[in-house]
Amino acid sequence: MVLAILMNGEAWPARAEPTVVLLHGLGRSPRNLQVLEWRLESRGYRVCSVGYDTRSAGIDAVVETVYPAVMNCPRGSGPLHFVTHSLGGLVLRALLAAHSPPKLGRAVLIAPPNQGSQIADRLRELGWLEVLLGPLAGQLGTRSGDLPAGLPPPPIPFGVIAGDRWINPAGPLWLPRPHDGTVSVASTRLEGMRDHLVLPYSHTFIIHARSVADQVDTFLRSGRFDRARK
């Protein structure tokens, strides 16, 4: 019997190896997603971790770097999924608003500032944000003119995983509870998401957890998270 991966209501043969593109967060690189990459590979995915300059002047420049890298990823014959961390979720939203790679599958956004970051608001008020993190970081606030408010949701089935533990001391000062020290749980929500799950991890370390990889795998296969394994 040939096992199948359910994808948007279709059955993909198990031999049609799915591909996962990983997109990292602000001030990070593909190295920060290495553990998640290994975990997904062990679950049968072909993984392509794409890097980009988070100190870029704007999201358009990032997209024009990321898109050709995605298209050059070695792919299986199955669907093309995306898994993102933090700013990577906004990069994905911008990417899929501008381009439509073939055989799109599903996406999981981990700790994304979908509604903007209150910490970005405060650092911008203090004049530190762009100095510390570059021009793109200055666009990550909660104002109507900021980047998160101007991007459409991904046009593919997507789920969101948020964290509710913190180690960043600025979190309790500037974020509404619950939060992961960098992004509030409320800010991770986005219209059109198929599912939303909160797990007990901080913003930085959520991507290393085995249970997060399990939930990513579950969503990519079924379009829902598994609360029995939470």
Foldseek 3Di string as FASTA:
>chain_A
DFAFFQFPNDTHTLQQAEEEEEEEAFPDFLVLLVLLCVLVVVVRHHYHYDGFQNQDQELVVRLVRRVVSVVPRDGGRAAYEYEYAECRQLSQLVNQVVDDDPRHTEYEYEAYQLQFWQVLVVCVVVVRQCVVGHNLSNQRHRDCRGSSNPTAHRPYAYEYEFEQDEDQVCPVVGHDPRHQNTHHLVSRDDPPHLYYYYDHHHRSCPSNDSLSSVQRVVCRRPVYGDPVSD
